[in-house]
Structure formats: C-alpha cells, structure tokens
C-alpha cells in the first residue's frame, strides 16, 4: 500500500530538477525510505503512521526537536533524516520499551537512533540490491530547537510528514546520484 501511495505522490520519475539549480532526485531512490518508515515505525512501536504530502524543502532547519541522521557516501551522496517533536519521541520510545517515558534522556536518544538505523538499514539494503554502490554512517542524533540537518549541497531536500495520533514525524531525504 505504501508504494501505491508514494507512486500517487509522484507524477514524474525525478523530483527537484531545475529548481534553485538543484539536481534531480530519482523517485526509485526515495521509495525504499518511504516504505521503510511506514513498516519499521509500525513494527517497532505499534503506532500507525499515515503519509502526508511530499514537499521540497529549501532550508536545513529541522522540523522537530530530535533528528536521527544517516550520512551516505559513494555513488549516492547525501543523507536520510527522521525528525520529530520531543513529545512524539517520548511516545514512540515509550511504546518501544513498553513503559511511560516522561523525559528525553540517553535511553530515548538511543532508541530514536535505533529506529533511524532500522529504517535506513532496510531502505539502503533495497538500494544496494538494485546496484547502487555506497557506504552509510551509523545514525547520529541531533537535538535542540531549530537545529540544522547536514544535508548535501546542491541536491533537493525532500520532506514527507507522517501523521500519528500523537503528532507528526518528518522524513527528509537528500540523496544525489553522483555517477
């Protein structure tokens, strides 16, 4: 179902071409991340996420208070970010751990890192199976109001909000195929 929804979001094979001098991003690179967010968040938290409307982002400021970020190097260059408000991070992690979480502590940040790792690992495995050559860093967690996400220069930053009953989770992807 996620693939059908994403296919409906995109009316063309590439997104971002010709906008602000950015290179285009191939939809087949985005789909595995989109599908992985839906599948992994549901599986790890038992919380349903519903995708919102895709948008092009023109700045590096994160949408949420906590962001898990994975850098990608090689023929694909850029990164994947999962950003959320603090209250949603507490809810997701509370569901993962089976207990109420009342503050953002190292356990919460570790679990958001694990959620980000699982999503990126699944998506990147699909891309490797399709012949893309790259390496990916372990996720890092960036926190704070209005923090920046270190996306690649010159490539479009695509965002997709995912609605939950507890707030919105935002996926950002900025991957350019170099060769």
C-alpha atoms as a PDB file:
ATOM      1  CA  UNK A   1       0.000   0.000   0.000  1.00  0.00           C
ATOM      2  CA  UNK A   2       2.841   2.410   0.833  1.00  0.00           C
ATOM      3  CA  UNK A   3       4.288   2.008  -2.673  1.00  0.00           C
ATOM      4  CA  UNK A   4       0.907   2.813  -4.224  1.00  0.00           C
ATOM      5  CA  UNK A   5       0.525   5.922  -2.062  1.00  0.00           C
ATOM      6  CA  UNK A   6       4.026   7.103  -2.914  1.00  0.00           C
ATOM      7  CA  UNK A   7       3.538   6.424  -6.615  1.00  0.00           C
ATOM      8  CA  UNK A   8       0.474   8.658  -6.494  1.00  0.00           C
ATOM      9  CA  UNK A   9       2.521  11.415  -4.838  1.00  0.00           C
ATOM     10  CA  UNK A  10       4.956  11.498  -7.738  1.00  0.00           C
ATOM     11  CA  UNK A  11       3.808  12.301 -11.237  1.00  0.00           C
ATOM     12  CA  UNK A  12       7.315  12.109 -12.706  1.00  0.00           C
ATOM     13  CA  UNK A  13      10.425   9.985 -12.402  1.00  0.00           C
ATOM     14  CA  UNK A  14      12.630  12.737 -10.979  1.00  0.00           C
ATOM     15  CA  UNK A  15      11.951  15.451  -8.437  1.00  0.00           C
ATOM     16  CA  UNK A  16      13.715  18.728  -7.898  1.00  0.00           C
ATOM     17  CA  UNK A  17      15.218  19.216 -11.348  1.00  0.00           C
ATOM     18  CA  UNK A  18      15.565  22.794 -12.399  1.00  0.00           C
ATOM     19  CA  UNK A  19      14.556  24.198  -9.019  1.00  0.00           C
ATOM     20  CA  UNK A  20      17.119  26.541  -7.441  1.00  0.00           C
ATOM     21  CA  UNK A  21      19.871  24.967  -9.548  1.00  0.00           C
ATOM     22  CA  UNK A  22      19.461  21.641  -7.781  1.00  0.00           C
ATOM     23  CA  UNK A  23      19.995  18.283  -9.417  1.00  0.00           C
ATOM     24  CA  UNK A  24      17.069  15.877  -9.650  1.00  0.00           C
ATOM     25  CA  UNK A  25      16.422  13.003  -7.268  1.00  0.00           C
ATOM     26  CA  UNK A  26      15.229   9.699  -8.708  1.00  0.00           C
ATOM     27  CA  UNK A  27      11.926   8.516  -7.222  1.00  0.00           C
ATOM     28  CA  UNK A  28      13.225   4.941  -7.069  1.00  0.00           C
ATOM     29  CA  UNK A  29      15.758   6.134  -4.506  1.00  0.00           C
ATOM     30  CA  UNK A  30      13.048   7.677  -2.310  1.00  0.00           C
ATOM     31  CA  UNK A  31      10.538   4.805  -2.348  1.00  0.00           C
ATOM     32  CA  UNK A  32      12.545   2.409  -0.135  1.00  0.00           C
ATOM     33  CA  UNK A  33      12.880   5.080   2.581  1.00  0.00           C
ATOM     34  CA  UNK A  34       9.196   5.932   2.432  1.00  0.00           C
ATOM     35  CA  UNK A  35       8.190   2.278   2.691  1.00  0.00           C
ATOM     36  CA  UNK A  36      10.680   1.637   5.487  1.00  0.00           C
ATOM     37  CA  UNK A  37       9.323   4.489   7.626  1.00  0.00           C
ATOM     38  CA  UNK A  38       5.803   3.067   7.382  1.00  0.00           C
ATOM     39  CA  UNK A  39       6.867  -0.537   8.036  1.00  0.00           C
ATOM     40  CA  UNK A  40       9.540  -0.037  10.700  1.00  0.00           C
ATOM     41  CA  UNK A  41       7.712   2.563  12.807  1.00  0.00           C
ATOM     42  CA  UNK A  42       4.602   0.373  12.815  1.00  0.00           C
ATOM     43  CA  UNK A  43       6.570  -2.781  13.659  1.00  0.00           C
ATOM     44  CA  UNK A  44       8.805  -1.271  16.349  1.00  0.00           C
ATOM     45  CA  UNK A  45       6.203   0.957  18.036  1.00  0.00           C
ATOM     46  CA  UNK A  46       2.815  -0.477  17.035  1.00  0.00           C
ATOM     47  CA  UNK A  47       1.884   3.109  16.149  1.00  0.00           C
ATOM     48  CA  UNK A  48       0.320   3.677  12.732  1.00  0.00           C
ATOM     49  CA  UNK A  49       1.867   6.372  10.571  1.00  0.00           C
ATOM     50  CA  UNK A  50      -0.014   7.910   7.671  1.00  0.00           C
ATOM     51  CA  UNK A  51       1.985   9.720   4.986  1.00  0.00           C
ATOM     52  CA  UNK A  52       1.214  13.314   4.215  1.00  0.00           C
ATOM     53  CA  UNK A  53       2.069  15.346   1.153  1.00  0.00           C
ATOM     54  CA  UNK A  54       5.607  15.375  -0.232  1.00  0.00           C
ATOM     55  CA  UNK A  55       7.293  18.779  -0.294  1.00  0.00           C
ATOM     56  CA  UNK A  56      10.582  20.293  -1.414  1.00  0.00           C
ATOM     57  CA  UNK A  57      12.430  21.850   1.496  1.00  0.00           C
ATOM     58  CA  UNK A  58      14.591  24.906   0.915  1.00  0.00           C
ATOM     59  CA  UNK A  59      16.444  25.130   4.236  1.00  0.00           C
ATOM     60  CA  UNK A  60      18.451  22.946   6.612  1.00  0.00           C
ATOM     61  CA  UNK A  61      16.462  23.698   9.768  1.00  0.00           C
ATOM     62  CA  UNK A  62      14.905  20.572  11.256  1.00  0.00           C
ATOM     63  CA  UNK A  63      11.150  20.307  11.609  1.00  0.00           C
ATOM     64  CA  UNK A  64      11.383  18.680  15.045  1.00  0.00           C
ATOM     65  CA  UNK A  65      13.371  18.843  18.277  1.00  0.00           C
ATOM     66  CA  UNK A  66      15.121  15.494  17.752  1.00  0.00           C
ATOM     67  CA  UNK A  67      16.566  14.200  14.488  1.00  0.00           C
ATOM     68  CA  UNK A  68      18.179  10.888  13.654  1.00  0.00           C
ATOM     69  CA  UNK A  69      20.502  11.360  10.677  1.00  0.00           C
ATOM     70  CA  UNK A  70      22.394   8.891   8.487  1.00  0.00           C
ATOM     71  CA  UNK A  71      25.055  10.146   6.035  1.00  0.00           C
ATOM     72  CA  UNK A  72      25.512   8.271   2.755  1.00  0.00           C
ATOM     73  CA  UNK A  73      28.736   8.372   0.686  1.00  0.00           C
ATOM     74  CA  UNK A  74      29.696   6.927  -2.687  1.00  0.00           C
ATOM     75  CA  UNK A  75      27.705   6.847  -5.920  1.00  0.00           C
ATOM     76  CA  UNK A  76      24.808   8.077  -3.790  1.00  0.00           C
ATOM     77  CA  UNK A  77      25.746  11.126  -1.729  1.00  0.00           C
ATOM     78  CA  UNK A  78      23.687  12.827   0.962  1.00  0.00           C
ATOM     79  CA  UNK A  79      21.595  11.564   3.818  1.00  0.00           C
ATOM     80  CA  UNK A  80      18.363  10.499   5.429  1.00  0.00           C
ATOM     81  CA  UNK A  81      16.792  12.250   8.419  1.00  0.00           C
ATOM     82  CA  UNK A  82      13.949  11.330  10.740  1.00  0.00           C
ATOM     83  CA  UNK A  83      12.824  14.349  12.758  1.00  0.00           C
ATOM     84  CA  UNK A  84      10.166  14.702  15.438  1.00  0.00           C
ATOM     85  CA  UNK A  85       8.999  16.859  18.331  1.00  0.00           C
ATOM     86  CA  UNK A  86      10.173  15.776  21.803  1.00  0.00           C
ATOM     87  CA  UNK A  87       6.699  14.655  22.905  1.00  0.00           C
ATOM     88  CA  UNK A  88       6.436  12.285  19.934  1.00  0.00           C
ATOM     89  CA  UNK A  89       9.920  10.894  20.617  1.00  0.00           C
ATOM     90  CA  UNK A  90       8.823  10.103  24.198  1.00  0.00           C
ATOM     91  CA  UNK A  91       5.651   8.428  22.920  1.00  0.00           C
ATOM     92  CA  UNK A  92       7.410   6.333  20.268  1.00  0.00           C
ATOM     93  CA  UNK A  93      10.143   5.216  22.662  1.00  0.00           C
ATOM     94  CA  UNK A  94       7.621   4.546  25.412  1.00  0.00           C
ATOM     95  CA  UNK A  95       5.797   2.237  23.043  1.00  0.00           C
ATOM     96  CA  UNK A  96       9.066   0.554  22.038  1.00  0.00           C
ATOM     97  CA  UNK A  97      10.076  -0.018  25.672  1.00  0.00           C
ATOM     98  CA  UNK A  98       6.614  -0.821  26.987  1.00  0.00           C
ATOM     99  CA  UNK A  99       6.667   1.902  29.643  1.00  0.00           C
ATOM    100  CA  UNK A 100       5.812   5.572  30.072  1.00  0.00           C
ATOM    101  CA  UNK A 101       8.663   7.894  29.157  1.00  0.00           C
ATOM    102  CA  UNK A 102       8.488  11.335  30.735  1.00  0.00           C
ATOM    103  CA  UNK A 103      11.774  12.962  29.744  1.00  0.00           C
ATOM    104  CA  UNK A 104      14.300  12.999  26.951  1.00  0.00           C
ATOM    105  CA  UNK A 105      17.292  11.105  28.269  1.00  0.00           C
ATOM    106  CA  UNK A 106      20.061   8.938  26.825  1.00  0.00           C
ATOM    107  CA  UNK A 107      17.687   5.949  26.548  1.00  0.00           C
ATOM    108  CA  UNK A 108      15.255   7.957  24.408  1.00  0.00           C
ATOM    109  CA  UNK A 109      18.035   9.261  22.180  1.00  0.00           C
ATOM    110  CA  UNK A 110      19.493   5.744  21.812  1.00  0.00           C
ATOM    111  CA  UNK A 111      16.104   4.344  20.789  1.00  0.00           C
ATOM    112  CA  UNK A 112      15.498   7.124  18.257  1.00  0.00           C
ATOM    113  CA  UNK A 113      18.936   6.241  16.887  1.00  0.00           C
ATOM    114  CA  UNK A 114      17.900   2.592  16.689  1.00  0.00           C
ATOM    115  CA  UNK A 115      14.633   3.482  14.934  1.00  0.00           C
ATOM    116  CA  UNK A 116      16.568   5.604  12.433  1.00  0.00           C
ATOM    117  CA  UNK A 117      19.112   2.804  11.948  1.00  0.00           C
ATOM    118  CA  UNK A 118      16.450   0.186  11.256  1.00  0.00           C
ATOM    119  CA  UNK A 119      14.665   2.411   8.724  1.00  0.00           C
ATOM    120  CA  UNK A 120      17.844   3.386   6.899  1.00  0.00           C
ATOM    121  CA  UNK A 121      19.262  -0.161   7.008  1.00  0.00           C
ATOM    122  CA  UNK A 122      16.141  -1.598   5.354  1.00  0.00           C
ATOM    123  CA  UNK A 123      15.942   1.154   2.723  1.00  0.00           C
ATOM    124  CA  UNK A 124      19.640   1.076   1.906  1.00  0.00           C
ATOM    125  CA  UNK A 125      19.580  -2.724   1.555  1.00  0.00           C
ATOM    126  CA  UNK A 126      16.932  -2.345  -1.155  1.00  0.00           C
ATOM    127  CA  UNK A 127      19.065   0.247  -2.942  1.00  0.00           C
ATOM    128  CA  UNK A 128      22.167  -1.975  -2.753  1.00  0.00           C
ATOM    129  CA  UNK A 129      20.130  -4.852  -4.208  1.00  0.00           C
ATOM    130  CA  UNK A 130      19.320  -2.522  -7.123  1.00  0.00           C
ATOM    131  CA  UNK A 131      23.015  -1.972  -7.797  1.00  0.00           C
ATOM    132  CA  UNK A 132      23.685   1.321  -6.023  1.00  0.00           C
ATOM    133  CA  UNK A 133      27.175   1.497  -4.523  1.00  0.00           C
ATOM    134  CA  UNK A 134      27.664   3.494  -1.319  1.00  0.00           C
ATOM    135  CA  UNK A 135      28.516   3.325   2.357  1.00  0.00           C
ATOM    136  CA  UNK A 136      26.441   4.701   5.205  1.00  0.00           C
ATOM    137  CA  UNK A 137      27.452   6.002   8.617  1.00  0.00           C
ATOM    138  CA  UNK A 138      25.814   4.926  11.829  1.00  0.00           C
ATOM    139  CA  UNK A 139      22.987   7.264  12.788  1.00  0.00           C
ATOM    140  CA  UNK A 140      23.752  10.315  14.807  1.00  0.00           C
ATOM    141  CA  UNK A 141      21.245  12.181  16.903  1.00  0.00           C
ATOM    142  CA  UNK A 142      20.906  15.942  16.647  1.00  0.00           C
ATOM    143  CA  UNK A 143      18.796  17.750  19.245  1.00  0.00           C
ATOM    144  CA  UNK A 144      17.599  21.222  20.113  1.00  0.00           C
ATOM    145  CA  UNK A 145      15.127  23.768  18.870  1.00  0.00           C
ATOM    146  CA  UNK A 146      15.786  24.893  15.321  1.00  0.00           C
ATOM    147  CA  UNK A 147      18.829  22.648  14.859  1.00  0.00           C
ATOM    148  CA  UNK A 148      20.238  22.123  11.370  1.00  0.00           C
ATOM    149  CA  UNK A 149      20.260  18.888   9.421  1.00  0.00           C
ATOM    150  CA  UNK A 150      23.537  18.462   7.459  1.00  0.00           C
ATOM    151  CA  UNK A 151      22.118  17.662   4.021  1.00  0.00           C
ATOM    152  CA  UNK A 152      24.277  17.601   0.877  1.00  0.00           C
ATOM    153  CA  UNK A 153      24.711  20.838  -1.037  1.00  0.00           C
ATOM    154  CA  UNK A 154      23.166  21.074  -4.486  1.00  0.00           C
ATOM    155  CA  UNK A 155      20.645  18.238  -4.159  1.00  0.00           C
ATOM    156  CA  UNK A 156      16.951  18.663  -3.428  1.00  0.00           C
ATOM    157  CA  UNK A 157      15.778  18.045   0.125  1.00  0.00           C
ATOM    158  CA  UNK A 158      12.511  16.167   0.023  1.00  0.00           C
ATOM    159  CA  UNK A 159      10.287  16.004   3.056  1.00  0.00           C
ATOM    160  CA  UNK A 160       7.313  13.848   3.865  1.00  0.00           C
ATOM    161  CA  UNK A 161       5.345  14.284   7.086  1.00  0.00           C
ATOM    162  CA  UNK A 162       3.886  11.131   8.603  1.00  0.00           C
ATOM    163  CA  UNK A 163       0.878  11.695  10.835  1.00  0.00           C
ATOM    164  CA  UNK A 164       0.301   9.719  14.007  1.00  0.00           C
ATOM    165  CA  UNK A 165      -2.308  10.111  16.716  1.00  0.00           C
ATOM    166  CA  UNK A 166       0.447  11.750  18.787  1.00  0.00           C
ATOM    167  CA  UNK A 167       1.969  14.232  16.330  1.00  0.00           C
ATOM    168  CA  UNK A 168       3.874  14.327  13.069  1.00  0.00           C
ATOM    169  CA  UNK A 169       7.082  12.513  12.272  1.00  0.00           C
ATOM    170  CA  UNK A 170       9.055  14.004   9.363  1.00  0.00           C
ATOM    171  CA  UNK A 171      11.258  12.139   6.933  1.00  0.00           C
ATOM    172  CA  UNK A 172      13.782  14.129   4.950  1.00  0.00           C
ATOM    173  CA  UNK A 173      15.905  12.658   2.223  1.00  0.00           C
ATOM    174  CA  UNK A 174      18.624  14.340   0.246  1.00  0.00           C
ATOM    175  CA  UNK A 175      20.447  11.852  -1.969  1.00  0.00           C
ATOM    176  CA  UNK A 176      22.079  12.660  -5.262  1.00  0.00           C
ATOM    177  CA  UNK A 177      23.429  10.059  -7.664  1.00  0.00           C
ATOM    178  CA  UNK A 178      26.965  11.205  -8.472  1.00  0.00           C
ATOM    179  CA  UNK A 179      27.753   8.733 -11.262  1.00  0.00           C
END
